[in-house]
């Protein structure tokens, strides 16, 4: 029922975007220092243990949560344009609470994700595997499969079409050939792979309690939540 993907998080991350963000403190940066765009940002200094949010908070899992992305470029499973990913339903798989998500561009199969403590697991090849690991510390590594290792890189502030967000982290594979960027309480905000760039355009989370300004008709800027 659920497709296995060993090289990417199939639910939210078929591809990835290298996004580097301007780092300041945990307070909002002054207006003249706010990052602009997803390509001109600078990494923060490595944080102390426990300085970042829970890995589980990087991907809000609730039925009805929705993210809309702007895709530039083309791949075997994705075409240019606007694509939406949604959390469809909550199920039980082998006694574990799981959330089923649509594929990123509609061509890939549904996927299952499950929170466990402060991390998130993904069902791959019939096994629950860590896809977003704690602790969120610069350089922290973990194995998704025997052949796929990821590590965290702290970004800090990131601006995308959906808003300006603090506490953002990159999930990078061992050889850094691609990247996925997540922000605390928001989800994935950007991805890149060969020939493809993806940027979060709008979102609606927690039964609409938190939405991007773009989704609310504000046309962008910082998320009001």
C-alpha atoms as a PDB file:
ATOM      1  CA  UNK A   1       0.000   0.000   0.000  1.00  0.00           C
ATOM      2  CA  UNK A   2       2.832   2.366   0.796  1.00  0.00           C
ATOM      3  CA  UNK A   3       5.748   2.940  -1.561  1.00  0.00           C
ATOM      4  CA  UNK A   4       9.267   2.582  -0.201  1.00  0.00           C
ATOM      5  CA  UNK A   5      11.824   5.218  -1.012  1.00  0.00           C
ATOM      6  CA  UNK A   6      15.353   4.631   0.257  1.00  0.00           C
ATOM      7  CA  UNK A   7      16.915   7.810  -1.060  1.00  0.00           C
ATOM      8  CA  UNK A   8      14.310  10.396  -0.076  1.00  0.00           C
ATOM      9  CA  UNK A   9      11.487  10.881   2.361  1.00  0.00           C
ATOM     10  CA  UNK A  10       8.701   9.882   0.030  1.00  0.00           C
ATOM     11  CA  UNK A  11       5.923  11.708   1.738  1.00  0.00           C
ATOM     12  CA  UNK A  12       7.416  15.121   1.812  1.00  0.00           C
ATOM     13  CA  UNK A  13      10.764  14.966   0.186  1.00  0.00           C
ATOM     14  CA  UNK A  14      11.102  13.212  -3.128  1.00  0.00           C
ATOM     15  CA  UNK A  15      13.523  15.925  -4.183  1.00  0.00           C
ATOM     16  CA  UNK A  16      15.464  18.529  -2.270  1.00  0.00           C
ATOM     17  CA  UNK A  17      16.539  22.168  -2.308  1.00  0.00           C
ATOM     18  CA  UNK A  18      19.824  23.522  -1.081  1.00  0.00           C
ATOM     19  CA  UNK A  19      18.662  26.512   0.875  1.00  0.00           C
ATOM     20  CA  UNK A  20      21.008  28.434   3.088  1.00  0.00           C
ATOM     21  CA  UNK A  21      19.524  30.950   5.463  1.00  0.00           C
ATOM     22  CA  UNK A  22      20.813  34.080   7.082  1.00  0.00           C
ATOM     23  CA  UNK A  23      21.427  33.432  10.700  1.00  0.00           C
ATOM     24  CA  UNK A  24      20.906  35.890  13.448  1.00  0.00           C
ATOM     25  CA  UNK A  25      19.750  35.202  16.957  1.00  0.00           C
ATOM     26  CA  UNK A  26      16.512  33.475  17.922  1.00  0.00           C
ATOM     27  CA  UNK A  27      14.858  36.897  17.807  1.00  0.00           C
ATOM     28  CA  UNK A  28      13.554  38.240  14.523  1.00  0.00           C
ATOM     29  CA  UNK A  29      16.399  39.850  12.547  1.00  0.00           C
ATOM     30  CA  UNK A  30      16.281  43.601  11.954  1.00  0.00           C
ATOM     31  CA  UNK A  31      14.479  44.589   8.717  1.00  0.00           C
ATOM     32  CA  UNK A  32      17.706  45.510   6.960  1.00  0.00           C
ATOM     33  CA  UNK A  33      19.180  42.100   7.770  1.00  0.00           C
ATOM     34  CA  UNK A  34      16.230  39.899   6.898  1.00  0.00           C
ATOM     35  CA  UNK A  35      17.116  37.262   4.306  1.00  0.00           C
ATOM     36  CA  UNK A  36      15.699  37.734   0.843  1.00  0.00           C
ATOM     37  CA  UNK A  37      15.196  34.777  -1.479  1.00  0.00           C
ATOM     38  CA  UNK A  38      16.277  31.195  -0.994  1.00  0.00           C
ATOM     39  CA  UNK A  39      19.621  31.368  -2.759  1.00  0.00           C
ATOM     40  CA  UNK A  40      21.453  34.158  -0.924  1.00  0.00           C
ATOM     41  CA  UNK A  41      21.332  32.982   2.682  1.00  0.00           C
ATOM     42  CA  UNK A  42      24.182  32.193   5.072  1.00  0.00           C
ATOM     43  CA  UNK A  43      24.365  29.323   7.613  1.00  0.00           C
ATOM     44  CA  UNK A  44      24.325  29.944  11.353  1.00  0.00           C
ATOM     45  CA  UNK A  45      27.033  28.819  13.743  1.00  0.00           C
ATOM     46  CA  UNK A  46      26.553  25.248  15.003  1.00  0.00           C
ATOM     47  CA  UNK A  47      24.131  25.155  17.958  1.00  0.00           C
ATOM     48  CA  UNK A  48      24.536  23.655  21.397  1.00  0.00           C
ATOM     49  CA  UNK A  49      22.876  20.329  22.226  1.00  0.00           C
ATOM     50  CA  UNK A  50      19.153  20.904  22.597  1.00  0.00           C
ATOM     51  CA  UNK A  51      19.312  24.391  21.064  1.00  0.00           C
ATOM     52  CA  UNK A  52      17.029  23.483  18.184  1.00  0.00           C
ATOM     53  CA  UNK A  53      13.365  22.443  18.096  1.00  0.00           C
ATOM     54  CA  UNK A  54      12.267  18.826  18.302  1.00  0.00           C
ATOM     55  CA  UNK A  55      12.711  17.002  15.010  1.00  0.00           C
ATOM     56  CA  UNK A  56       9.050  16.017  15.322  1.00  0.00           C
ATOM     57  CA  UNK A  57       8.090  19.711  15.175  1.00  0.00           C
ATOM     58  CA  UNK A  58       9.768  20.070  11.791  1.00  0.00           C
ATOM     59  CA  UNK A  59       6.949  18.131  10.152  1.00  0.00           C
ATOM     60  CA  UNK A  60       3.470  18.753  11.634  1.00  0.00           C
ATOM     61  CA  UNK A  61       1.440  15.564  11.262  1.00  0.00           C
ATOM     62  CA  UNK A  62      -2.314  16.122  11.444  1.00  0.00           C
ATOM     63  CA  UNK A  63      -5.081  15.048   9.099  1.00  0.00           C
ATOM     64  CA  UNK A  64      -5.992  17.959   6.826  1.00  0.00           C
ATOM     65  CA  UNK A  65      -2.587  19.662   6.934  1.00  0.00           C
ATOM     66  CA  UNK A  66      -1.752  20.942   3.462  1.00  0.00           C
ATOM     67  CA  UNK A  67       1.355  22.377   1.771  1.00  0.00           C
ATOM     68  CA  UNK A  68       1.437  23.924  -1.706  1.00  0.00           C
ATOM     69  CA  UNK A  69       4.772  24.153  -3.530  1.00  0.00           C
ATOM     70  CA  UNK A  70       6.032  25.971  -6.601  1.00  0.00           C
ATOM     71  CA  UNK A  71       8.124  23.624  -8.730  1.00  0.00           C
ATOM     72  CA  UNK A  72      10.750  24.800 -11.193  1.00  0.00           C
ATOM     73  CA  UNK A  73      12.335  22.250 -13.495  1.00  0.00           C
ATOM     74  CA  UNK A  74      11.249  18.760 -14.408  1.00  0.00           C
ATOM     75  CA  UNK A  75      11.867  15.228 -13.160  1.00  0.00           C
ATOM     76  CA  UNK A  76      10.477  11.770 -13.898  1.00  0.00           C
ATOM     77  CA  UNK A  77       7.737  12.228 -11.273  1.00  0.00           C
ATOM     78  CA  UNK A  78       7.239  15.993 -11.199  1.00  0.00           C
ATOM     79  CA  UNK A  79       6.369  18.692 -13.702  1.00  0.00           C
ATOM     80  CA  UNK A  80       6.763  22.478 -13.378  1.00  0.00           C
ATOM     81  CA  UNK A  81       3.998  24.388 -11.698  1.00  0.00           C
ATOM     82  CA  UNK A  82       2.042  24.345  -8.458  1.00  0.00           C
ATOM     83  CA  UNK A  83       1.602  21.085  -6.552  1.00  0.00           C
ATOM     84  CA  UNK A  84      -0.102  20.341  -3.220  1.00  0.00           C
ATOM     85  CA  UNK A  85       0.645  17.643  -0.640  1.00  0.00           C
ATOM     86  CA  UNK A  86      -1.892  16.732   2.061  1.00  0.00           C
ATOM     87  CA  UNK A  87      -2.173  14.491   5.117  1.00  0.00           C
ATOM     88  CA  UNK A  88      -5.138  12.301   4.157  1.00  0.00           C
ATOM     89  CA  UNK A  89      -5.912  10.110   7.132  1.00  0.00           C
ATOM     90  CA  UNK A  90      -4.679   8.571  10.372  1.00  0.00           C
ATOM     91  CA  UNK A  91      -4.366   4.776  10.500  1.00  0.00           C
ATOM     92  CA  UNK A  92      -2.826   2.034  12.621  1.00  0.00           C
ATOM     93  CA  UNK A  93      -0.059  -0.039  11.102  1.00  0.00           C
ATOM     94  CA  UNK A  94       1.323  -2.862  13.186  1.00  0.00           C
ATOM     95  CA  UNK A  95       0.084  -1.223  16.367  1.00  0.00           C
ATOM     96  CA  UNK A  96       1.705   2.108  15.493  1.00  0.00           C
ATOM     97  CA  UNK A  97      -0.097   5.423  14.902  1.00  0.00           C
ATOM     98  CA  UNK A  98       0.593   6.579  11.359  1.00  0.00           C
ATOM     99  CA  UNK A  99      -0.393   9.383   9.008  1.00  0.00           C
ATOM    100  CA  UNK A 100      -0.912   8.785   5.302  1.00  0.00           C
ATOM    101  CA  UNK A 101       0.213  11.510   2.904  1.00  0.00           C
ATOM    102  CA  UNK A 102      -0.334  12.083  -0.787  1.00  0.00           C
ATOM    103  CA  UNK A 103       2.662  11.971  -3.057  1.00  0.00           C
ATOM    104  CA  UNK A 104       4.496  15.168  -3.850  1.00  0.00           C
ATOM    105  CA  UNK A 105       3.433  15.557  -7.464  1.00  0.00           C
ATOM    106  CA  UNK A 106       0.705  12.990  -7.718  1.00  0.00           C
ATOM    107  CA  UNK A 107       2.784  10.442  -9.607  1.00  0.00           C
ATOM    108  CA  UNK A 108       4.413   8.876  -6.552  1.00  0.00           C
ATOM    109  CA  UNK A 109       2.474   6.573  -4.207  1.00  0.00           C
ATOM    110  CA  UNK A 110       1.015   7.441  -0.820  1.00  0.00           C
ATOM    111  CA  UNK A 111       3.382   7.184   2.141  1.00  0.00           C
ATOM    112  CA  UNK A 112       3.107   6.557   5.877  1.00  0.00           C
ATOM    113  CA  UNK A 113       4.804   8.615   8.606  1.00  0.00           C
ATOM    114  CA  UNK A 114       4.702   8.037  12.342  1.00  0.00           C
ATOM    115  CA  UNK A 115       5.851  10.184  15.300  1.00  0.00           C
ATOM    116  CA  UNK A 116       7.992   8.447  17.914  1.00  0.00           C
ATOM    117  CA  UNK A 117       9.145  10.558  20.833  1.00  0.00           C
ATOM    118  CA  UNK A 118      10.875  13.607  19.359  1.00  0.00           C
ATOM    119  CA  UNK A 119      11.563  12.046  15.957  1.00  0.00           C
ATOM    120  CA  UNK A 120       9.565  10.889  12.915  1.00  0.00           C
ATOM    121  CA  UNK A 121       9.630   7.467  11.307  1.00  0.00           C
ATOM    122  CA  UNK A 122       8.731   6.458   7.751  1.00  0.00           C
ATOM    123  CA  UNK A 123       7.471   3.098   6.530  1.00  0.00           C
ATOM    124  CA  UNK A 124       9.967   1.844   3.957  1.00  0.00           C
ATOM    125  CA  UNK A 125      10.333  -1.696   2.618  1.00  0.00           C
ATOM    126  CA  UNK A 126       7.952  -2.936   5.291  1.00  0.00           C
ATOM    127  CA  UNK A 127       9.999  -1.434   8.157  1.00  0.00           C
ATOM    128  CA  UNK A 128       9.676   1.721  10.247  1.00  0.00           C
ATOM    129  CA  UNK A 129      12.851   3.752   9.743  1.00  0.00           C
ATOM    130  CA  UNK A 130      14.003   7.062  11.176  1.00  0.00           C
ATOM    131  CA  UNK A 131      13.558   9.813   8.618  1.00  0.00           C
ATOM    132  CA  UNK A 132      13.785  12.921  10.858  1.00  0.00           C
ATOM    133  CA  UNK A 133      16.070  12.164  13.780  1.00  0.00           C
ATOM    134  CA  UNK A 134      16.693  13.827  17.111  1.00  0.00           C
ATOM    135  CA  UNK A 135      18.766  15.453  18.425  1.00  0.00           C
ATOM    136  CA  UNK A 136      18.771  18.531  16.225  1.00  0.00           C
ATOM    137  CA  UNK A 137      22.457  19.316  16.452  1.00  0.00           C
ATOM    138  CA  UNK A 138      24.839  20.448  13.732  1.00  0.00           C
ATOM    139  CA  UNK A 139      26.358  17.425  12.001  1.00  0.00           C
ATOM    140  CA  UNK A 140      24.175  14.850  13.784  1.00  0.00           C
ATOM    141  CA  UNK A 141      24.029  11.762  11.495  1.00  0.00           C
ATOM    142  CA  UNK A 142      21.733   8.750  11.257  1.00  0.00           C
ATOM    143  CA  UNK A 143      21.044   5.858   8.887  1.00  0.00           C
ATOM    144  CA  UNK A 144      17.757   5.685   7.004  1.00  0.00           C
ATOM    145  CA  UNK A 145      18.813   2.466   5.278  1.00  0.00           C
ATOM    146  CA  UNK A 146      22.058   0.543   5.053  1.00  0.00           C
ATOM    147  CA  UNK A 147      22.901   2.624   1.982  1.00  0.00           C
ATOM    148  CA  UNK A 148      21.373   5.979   2.948  1.00  0.00           C
ATOM    149  CA  UNK A 149      22.806   8.196   5.684  1.00  0.00           C
ATOM    150  CA  UNK A 150      21.532  11.692   6.526  1.00  0.00           C
ATOM    151  CA  UNK A 151      22.884  14.544   8.635  1.00  0.00           C
ATOM    152  CA  UNK A 152      21.508  17.809  10.037  1.00  0.00           C
ATOM    153  CA  UNK A 153      22.778  21.260   9.163  1.00  0.00           C
ATOM    154  CA  UNK A 154      21.375  24.291  10.970  1.00  0.00           C
ATOM    155  CA  UNK A 155      20.199  27.123   8.725  1.00  0.00           C
ATOM    156  CA  UNK A 156      18.363  29.546  11.034  1.00  0.00           C
ATOM    157  CA  UNK A 157      16.081  32.064   9.293  1.00  0.00           C
ATOM    158  CA  UNK A 158      14.680  31.196   5.859  1.00  0.00           C
ATOM    159  CA  UNK A 159      12.437  33.283   3.613  1.00  0.00           C
ATOM    160  CA  UNK A 160      10.341  31.557   0.956  1.00  0.00           C
ATOM    161  CA  UNK A 161       7.158  32.580  -0.839  1.00  0.00           C
ATOM    162  CA  UNK A 162       5.054  31.346   2.110  1.00  0.00           C
ATOM    163  CA  UNK A 163       6.858  33.558   4.650  1.00  0.00           C
ATOM    164  CA  UNK A 164       9.926  34.151   6.802  1.00  0.00           C
ATOM    165  CA  UNK A 165      10.639  31.397   9.345  1.00  0.00           C
ATOM    166  CA  UNK A 166      13.173  30.845  12.164  1.00  0.00           C
ATOM    167  CA  UNK A 167      14.661  27.568  13.428  1.00  0.00           C
ATOM    168  CA  UNK A 168      15.202  25.953  10.033  1.00  0.00           C
ATOM    169  CA  UNK A 169      17.348  22.895   9.350  1.00  0.00           C
ATOM    170  CA  UNK A 170      18.643  21.081   6.289  1.00  0.00           C
ATOM    171  CA  UNK A 171      18.450  17.313   6.034  1.00  0.00           C
ATOM    172  CA  UNK A 172      21.355  16.324   3.793  1.00  0.00           C
ATOM    173  CA  UNK A 173      22.410  12.950   2.410  1.00  0.00           C
ATOM    174  CA  UNK A 174      25.941  11.705   2.935  1.00  0.00           C
ATOM    175  CA  UNK A 175      27.327  13.157  -0.297  1.00  0.00           C
ATOM    176  CA  UNK A 176      25.301  16.414  -0.119  1.00  0.00           C
ATOM    177  CA  UNK A 177      24.004  15.880  -3.666  1.00  0.00           C
ATOM    178  CA  UNK A 178      20.605  17.211  -2.642  1.00  0.00           C
ATOM    179  CA  UNK A 179      18.921  19.027   0.229  1.00  0.00           C
ATOM    180  CA  UNK A 180      15.623  19.365   2.084  1.00  0.00           C
ATOM    181  CA  UNK A 181      14.924  22.327   4.346  1.00  0.00           C
ATOM    182  CA  UNK A 182      12.448  22.172   7.252  1.00  0.00           C
ATOM    183  CA  UNK A 183      11.323  24.917   9.635  1.00  0.00           C
ATOM    184  CA  UNK A 184       9.977  24.500  13.156  1.00  0.00           C
ATOM    185  CA  UNK A 185       6.192  24.160  13.221  1.00  0.00           C
ATOM    186  CA  UNK A 186       5.848  24.624   9.446  1.00  0.00           C
ATOM    187  CA  UNK A 187       7.210  21.570   7.649  1.00  0.00           C
ATOM    188  CA  UNK A 188       9.348  21.344   4.547  1.00  0.00           C
ATOM    189  CA  UNK A 189       9.857  24.773   2.985  1.00  0.00           C
ATOM    190  CA  UNK A 190      12.286  23.999   0.157  1.00  0.00           C
ATOM    191  CA  UNK A 191      13.961  21.152  -1.720  1.00  0.00           C
ATOM    192  CA  UNK A 192      16.436  20.678  -4.536  1.00  0.00           C
ATOM    193  CA  UNK A 193      17.768  17.883  -6.626  1.00  0.00           C
ATOM    194  CA  UNK A 194      19.275  17.661 -10.059  1.00  0.00           C
ATOM    195  CA  UNK A 195      17.281  19.842 -12.453  1.00  0.00           C
ATOM    196  CA  UNK A 196      14.561  20.616  -9.904  1.00  0.00           C
ATOM    197  CA  UNK A 197      13.848  23.373  -7.372  1.00  0.00           C
ATOM    198  CA  UNK A 198      10.870  23.400  -5.009  1.00  0.00           C
ATOM    199  CA  UNK A 199       9.685  26.260  -2.768  1.00  0.00           C
ATOM    200  CA  UNK A 200       6.796  26.406  -0.294  1.00  0.00           C
ATOM    201  CA  UNK A 201       4.181  28.800  -1.624  1.00  0.00           C
ATOM    202  CA  UNK A 202       1.424  28.445   1.002  1.00  0.00           C
ATOM    203  CA  UNK A 203       0.190  26.121   3.730  1.00  0.00           C
ATOM    204  CA  UNK A 204      -2.713  25.443   6.076  1.00  0.00           C
ATOM    205  CA  UNK A 205      -2.081  23.568   9.337  1.00  0.00           C
ATOM    206  CA  UNK A 206      -3.985  22.492  12.443  1.00  0.00           C
ATOM    207  CA  UNK A 207      -7.478  22.785  10.948  1.00  0.00           C
ATOM    208  CA  UNK A 208      -6.605  26.161   9.472  1.00  0.00           C
ATOM    209  CA  UNK A 209      -5.441  27.634  12.789  1.00  0.00           C
ATOM    210  CA  UNK A 210      -2.119  28.450  11.166  1.00  0.00           C
ATOM    211  CA  UNK A 211      -1.845  29.503   7.551  1.00  0.00           C
ATOM    212  CA  UNK A 212       0.691  31.355   5.467  1.00  0.00           C
ATOM    213  CA  UNK A 213      -0.115  34.916   4.486  1.00  0.00           C
ATOM    214  CA  UNK A 214      -0.196  33.707   0.901  1.00  0.00           C
ATOM    215  CA  UNK A 215      -2.888  31.151   1.763  1.00  0.00           C
ATOM    216  CA  UNK A 216      -4.822  33.808   3.673  1.00  0.00           C
ATOM    217  CA  UNK A 217      -4.688  36.184   0.710  1.00  0.00           C
ATOM    218  CA  UNK A 218      -1.896  38.344   2.069  1.00  0.00           C
ATOM    219  CA  UNK A 219       0.418  37.624  -0.844  1.00  0.00           C
ATOM    220  CA  UNK A 220       3.463  36.457   1.065  1.00  0.00           C
ATOM    221  CA  UNK A 221       5.669  37.824   3.791  1.00  0.00           C
ATOM    222  CA  UNK A 222       6.208  36.355   7.201  1.00  0.00           C
ATOM    223  CA  UNK A 223       3.805  33.714   8.440  1.00  0.00           C
ATOM    224  CA  UNK A 224       1.593  35.301  11.093  1.00  0.00           C
ATOM    225  CA  UNK A 225       1.852  32.294  13.429  1.00  0.00           C
END
